[in-house]
Amino acid sequence: MDLIKRSFEEVKHGFHKSENSYICNYCEQVFEEGQVYPLSDKFYTAEQMILNHIESVHGGNFQMLVDDPSKYNTLTKKQKELLRAFTSKKKDAEIASELGVSASTIRHQKFTFREKAKQAKLYLALYENVFRVTEDPAERFLPIPTRAANVDDRFAITEKEYTDTIQAYFDFTDGLVLKRLPRKQKRIIAVLNRIKAEIDGEKTYTEKEITALLQTIYYDPVTLRRYLYDYGYISRTKDGTKYWLEKS
């Protein structure tokens, strides 16, 4: 999840909205407004389904945030343990007993968390005033991969254009499936932006492994692999035996 791209409310809830859809921050699954989604003999709206999806697939937004592996999650192991305890709504004395500390320690930790929240709000307000961060997806652009060559207006893709493209070209019924490759390069780049989310950024793949992964997305994994490399989303060794995800 790109924290710069997401507003505070979007990070807090675990999803963002396009004009007519709810989109998961973590896997980009789309639920379109106006559609009814069946689940366990019941039917749900798109808004209800995105909440159910985050809870059932990702374990809830709190869990995803508290366990976020990025460098921006500076919580200590003890702080994470405390936050998990606070979500239980138990009394301070009960939490203190379970953690083997005093009730005054628990109260102090709550005070510390509140103070940090105030600092974070002030910093965010300053940042958005200085850099004029927009909440309009029609004005926010996707990041460009660091290895991209010949960067031009093909890479100038707004979040709205991106959302519209993935809705048109992907089927999310049974995992991520690319229905067809676009002809226009700008749309190809948008499609590649979604596919890269399936590649583990901490892993180095063999040629066989990266091909097998892309095979689950599209019937022609070799073409996908070539596009991902040519547009700078993945890199490889000179002999083509190892592949890895490039950072944007």
Protein backbone atom coordinates (compact mmCIF):
# COMPACT_ATOMS: atom_id res chain seq x y z
CA MET A 1 0.00 0.00 0.00
CA ASP A 2 1.40 3.38 -1.04
CA LEU A 3 0.79 5.66 1.95
CA ILE A 4 1.30 8.82 -0.11
CA LYS A 5 -1.43 7.80 -2.53
CA ARG A 6 -3.95 6.99 0.20
CA SER A 7 -5.72 9.56 2.36
CA PHE A 8 -5.89 9.17 6.14
CA GLU A 9 -9.49 7.93 5.93
CA GLU A 10 -8.57 5.40 3.23
CA VAL A 11 -5.69 4.04 5.30
CA LYS A 12 -7.91 3.89 8.38
CA HIS A 13 -10.67 1.92 6.65
CA GLY A 14 -8.55 -0.30 4.40
CA PHE A 15 -10.21 0.63 1.11
CA HIS A 16 -10.55 3.53 -1.28
CA LYS A 17 -13.26 4.59 -3.70
CA SER A 18 -13.31 5.41 -7.35
CA GLU A 19 -16.33 7.06 -8.91
CA ASN A 20 -18.42 3.86 -8.86
CA SER A 21 -16.39 1.28 -6.94
CA TYR A 22 -14.89 0.26 -3.62
CA ILE A 23 -11.30 -1.00 -3.94
CA CYS A 24 -9.24 -2.92 -1.38
CA ASN A 25 -5.99 -1.14 -0.42
CA TYR A 26 -4.15 -4.45 -0.07
CA CYS A 27 -5.08 -6.54 -3.11
CA GLU A 28 -6.96 -4.05 -5.34
CA GLN A 29 -10.07 -6.24 -5.50
CA VAL A 30 -12.95 -4.16 -6.83
CA PHE A 31 -16.58 -4.15 -5.74
CA GLU A 32 -18.81 -2.11 -8.03
CA GLU A 33 -21.67 0.00 -6.75
CA GLY A 34 -25.05 -1.09 -8.05
CA GLN A 35 -24.12 -4.77 -7.99
CA VAL A 36 -25.37 -7.25 -5.41
CA TYR A 37 -22.88 -9.83 -4.14
CA PRO A 38 -23.99 -13.27 -2.86
CA LEU A 39 -22.26 -14.70 0.20
CA SER A 40 -23.39 -17.59 2.42
CA ASP A 41 -26.98 -17.49 1.14
CA LYS A 42 -27.22 -13.74 1.69
CA PHE A 43 -26.78 -10.74 -0.58
CA TYR A 44 -24.63 -7.69 0.11
CA THR A 45 -23.98 -4.28 -1.37
CA ALA A 46 -20.53 -3.28 -2.62
CA GLU A 47 -19.89 -1.28 0.57
CA GLN A 48 -20.83 -4.25 2.76
CA MET A 49 -18.71 -6.60 0.65
CA ILE A 50 -15.54 -4.53 0.84
CA LEU A 51 -15.79 -4.57 4.64
CA ASN A 52 -16.43 -8.31 4.64
CA HIS A 53 -13.55 -8.84 2.22
CA ILE A 54 -11.05 -6.95 4.39
CA GLU A 55 -12.15 -8.90 7.47
CA SER A 56 -12.34 -12.38 5.94
CA VAL A 57 -9.44 -12.23 3.46
CA HIS A 58 -7.00 -9.94 5.27
CA GLY A 59 -7.97 -10.53 8.90
CA GLY A 60 -9.29 -7.00 9.38
CA ASN A 61 -7.77 -3.59 8.73
CA PHE A 62 -6.34 -3.22 12.24
CA GLN A 63 -4.43 -6.46 11.79
CA MET A 64 -3.03 -5.35 8.44
CA LEU A 65 -1.95 -1.99 9.84
CA VAL A 66 -0.40 -3.22 13.06
CA ASP A 67 1.55 -5.92 11.21
CA ASP A 68 2.56 -3.69 8.29
CA PRO A 69 6.13 -4.75 7.40
CA SER A 70 7.21 -1.42 5.93
CA LYS A 71 9.75 0.92 7.48
CA TYR A 72 6.91 3.29 8.37
CA ASN A 73 5.59 0.95 11.06
CA THR A 74 7.82 1.99 13.96
CA LEU A 75 5.77 0.30 16.68
CA THR A 76 7.71 -1.90 19.08
CA LYS A 77 6.65 -5.45 19.85
CA LYS A 78 5.34 -4.28 23.26
CA GLN A 79 3.34 -1.43 21.68
CA LYS A 80 1.73 -3.82 19.21
CA GLU A 81 0.85 -6.14 22.07
CA LEU A 82 -0.77 -3.25 23.96
CA LEU A 83 -2.77 -2.08 20.94
CA ARG A 84 -4.09 -5.59 20.41
CA ALA A 85 -5.09 -5.69 24.06
CA PHE A 86 -6.87 -2.32 23.79
CA THR A 87 -8.99 -3.60 20.90
CA SER A 88 -10.47 -6.18 23.29
CA LYS A 89 -12.24 -3.37 25.20
CA LYS A 90 -11.16 -4.94 28.49
CA LYS A 91 -10.67 -2.79 31.57
CA ASP A 92 -7.21 -1.41 32.31
CA ALA A 93 -6.84 -3.56 35.42
CA GLU A 94 -7.66 -6.71 33.47
CA ILE A 95 -5.18 -5.86 30.69
CA ALA A 96 -2.55 -5.03 33.28
CA SER A 97 -3.06 -8.39 34.98
CA GLU A 98 -2.78 -10.28 31.69
CA LEU A 99 0.41 -8.43 30.70
CA GLY A 100 1.97 -8.54 34.16
CA VAL A 101 2.19 -4.76 34.63
CA SER A 102 0.43 -2.20 36.80
CA ALA A 103 -2.82 -0.47 35.86
CA SER A 104 -1.00 2.88 36.04
CA THR A 105 1.41 1.62 33.36
CA ILE A 106 -1.53 0.84 31.08
CA ARG A 107 -3.00 4.32 31.68
CA HIS A 108 0.37 5.91 30.92
CA GLN A 109 0.63 3.95 27.65
CA LYS A 110 -2.83 5.14 26.59
CA PHE A 111 -1.73 8.72 27.29
CA THR A 112 1.44 8.17 25.23
CA PHE A 113 -0.55 6.82 22.28
CA ARG A 114 -2.86 9.85 22.42
CA GLU A 115 0.09 12.24 22.42
CA LYS A 116 1.62 10.50 19.40
CA ALA A 117 -1.74 10.75 17.61
CA LYS A 118 -1.80 14.52 18.21
CA GLN A 119 1.74 14.84 16.81
CA ALA A 120 0.79 12.78 13.76
CA LYS A 121 -2.31 14.90 13.06
CA LEU A 122 -0.31 18.13 13.23
CA TYR A 123 2.42 16.76 10.93
CA LEU A 124 -0.14 15.45 8.40
CA ALA A 125 -1.95 18.80 8.36
CA LEU A 126 1.34 20.63 7.77
CA TYR A 127 2.39 18.24 5.01
CA GLU A 128 -0.90 18.49 3.15
CA ASN A 129 -0.89 22.29 3.42
CA VAL A 130 2.65 22.56 2.05
CA PHE A 131 2.42 19.98 -0.71
CA ARG A 132 -1.26 20.49 -1.51
CA VAL A 133 -2.06 16.78 -1.37
CA THR A 134 -5.20 16.15 -3.40
CA GLU A 135 -7.94 13.70 -2.50
CA ASP A 136 -9.23 13.63 -6.07
CA PRO A 137 -8.26 10.32 -7.77
CA ALA A 138 -8.51 12.12 -11.11
CA GLU A 139 -5.53 14.27 -10.07
CA ARG A 140 -3.29 11.69 -8.33
CA PHE A 141 -0.82 9.76 -10.48
CA LEU A 142 0.60 6.27 -10.19
CA PRO A 143 4.29 6.00 -9.22
CA ILE A 144 6.77 5.33 -12.04
CA PRO A 145 9.20 2.40 -11.66
CA THR A 146 12.77 3.51 -11.04
CA ARG A 147 14.12 1.48 -13.99
CA ALA A 148 11.59 2.79 -16.50
CA ALA A 149 13.21 4.12 -19.68
CA ASN A 150 11.87 6.77 -22.07
CA VAL A 151 9.41 8.10 -19.50
CA ASP A 152 6.72 10.15 -21.21
CA ASP A 153 2.98 10.75 -21.00
CA ARG A 154 2.33 6.99 -21.27
CA PHE A 155 3.30 6.80 -17.60
CA ALA A 156 1.08 9.75 -16.59
CA ILE A 157 -1.76 7.57 -15.33
CA THR A 158 -4.21 8.94 -12.79
CA GLU A 159 -5.69 6.70 -10.14
CA LYS A 160 -9.09 7.04 -11.80
CA GLU A 161 -7.68 5.93 -15.16
CA TYR A 162 -5.97 3.03 -13.39
CA THR A 163 -9.16 1.93 -11.62
CA ASP A 164 -11.21 2.13 -14.81
CA THR A 165 -8.60 0.08 -16.68
CA ILE A 166 -8.31 -2.76 -14.17
CA GLN A 167 -12.09 -3.03 -13.99
CA ALA A 168 -12.24 -3.39 -17.77
CA TYR A 169 -9.37 -5.85 -18.24
CA PHE A 170 -9.36 -8.06 -15.14
CA ASP A 171 -11.72 -10.69 -13.80
CA PHE A 172 -11.55 -11.06 -10.00
CA THR A 173 -14.06 -13.94 -9.72
CA ASP A 174 -11.40 -16.58 -9.12
CA GLY A 175 -8.21 -14.76 -8.22
CA LEU A 176 -6.61 -12.23 -10.56
CA VAL A 177 -7.20 -13.08 -14.23
CA LEU A 178 -6.31 -10.84 -17.16
CA LYS A 179 -9.06 -11.18 -19.74
CA ARG A 180 -7.04 -9.65 -22.57
CA LEU A 181 -4.07 -7.39 -23.12
CA PRO A 182 -4.86 -3.79 -24.06
CA ARG A 183 -3.53 -2.41 -27.32
CA LYS A 184 -2.68 1.08 -26.07
CA GLN A 185 0.60 1.33 -24.18
CA LYS A 186 -0.85 3.56 -21.45
CA ARG A 187 -3.41 0.88 -20.60
CA ILE A 188 -0.74 -1.82 -20.74
CA ILE A 189 1.22 0.14 -18.14
CA ALA A 190 -1.89 0.39 -15.95
CA VAL A 191 -2.38 -3.38 -16.25
CA LEU A 192 1.26 -4.00 -15.34
CA ASN A 193 0.83 -1.81 -12.26
CA ARG A 194 -1.84 -4.22 -11.02
CA ILE A 195 0.09 -7.37 -11.93
CA LYS A 196 3.20 -6.20 -10.07
CA ALA A 197 1.18 -6.33 -6.82
CA GLU A 198 1.18 -10.13 -7.14
CA ILE A 199 4.99 -10.26 -7.14
CA ASP A 200 6.69 -10.59 -3.77
CA GLY A 201 9.08 -7.65 -3.47
CA GLU A 202 11.24 -9.53 -0.95
CA LYS A 203 11.79 -12.57 -3.18
CA THR A 204 14.12 -13.42 -6.06
CA TYR A 205 12.37 -15.69 -8.56
CA THR A 206 13.79 -18.25 -10.93
CA GLU A 207 12.62 -17.98 -14.53
CA LYS A 208 10.37 -20.99 -13.92
CA GLU A 209 8.86 -19.46 -10.78
CA ILE A 210 8.07 -16.05 -12.28
CA THR A 211 6.59 -17.73 -15.35
CA ALA A 212 4.42 -20.01 -13.20
CA LEU A 213 3.15 -17.02 -11.22
CA LEU A 214 2.24 -15.07 -14.34
CA GLN A 215 0.62 -18.18 -15.85
CA THR A 216 -2.07 -17.96 -13.15
CA ILE A 217 -2.90 -14.45 -14.37
CA TYR A 218 -2.73 -14.78 -18.16
CA TYR A 219 -2.47 -17.59 -20.69
CA ASP A 220 0.68 -16.03 -22.20
CA PRO A 221 3.05 -15.53 -19.23
CA VAL A 222 6.10 -14.99 -21.45
CA THR A 223 4.54 -11.87 -22.98
CA LEU A 224 3.64 -10.57 -19.52
CA ARG A 225 7.17 -11.23 -18.29
CA ARG A 226 8.65 -9.39 -21.26
CA TYR A 227 6.35 -6.38 -20.75
CA LEU A 228 7.11 -6.24 -17.02
CA TYR A 229 10.83 -6.19 -17.84
CA ASP A 230 10.62 -3.78 -20.78
CA TYR A 231 8.58 -1.22 -18.83
CA GLY A 232 10.88 -1.42 -15.81
CA TYR A 233 8.68 -3.23 -13.30
CA ILE A 234 11.00 -6.21 -12.88
CA SER A 235 14.72 -6.76 -13.38
CA ARG A 236 16.71 -9.90 -14.14
CA THR A 237 20.23 -11.25 -14.23
CA LYS A 238 22.10 -11.11 -17.53
CA ASP A 239 21.50 -14.80 -18.17
CA GLY A 240 17.76 -14.42 -17.46
CA THR A 241 17.71 -17.04 -14.70
CA LYS A 242 16.74 -14.74 -11.82
CA TYR A 243 13.99 -12.11 -11.60
CA TRP A 244 12.95 -9.60 -8.94
CA LEU A 245 10.52 -6.70 -8.50
CA GLU A 246 11.82 -3.17 -8.98
CA LYS A 247 10.76 -0.45 -6.56
CA SER A 248 8.61 2.45 -7.74
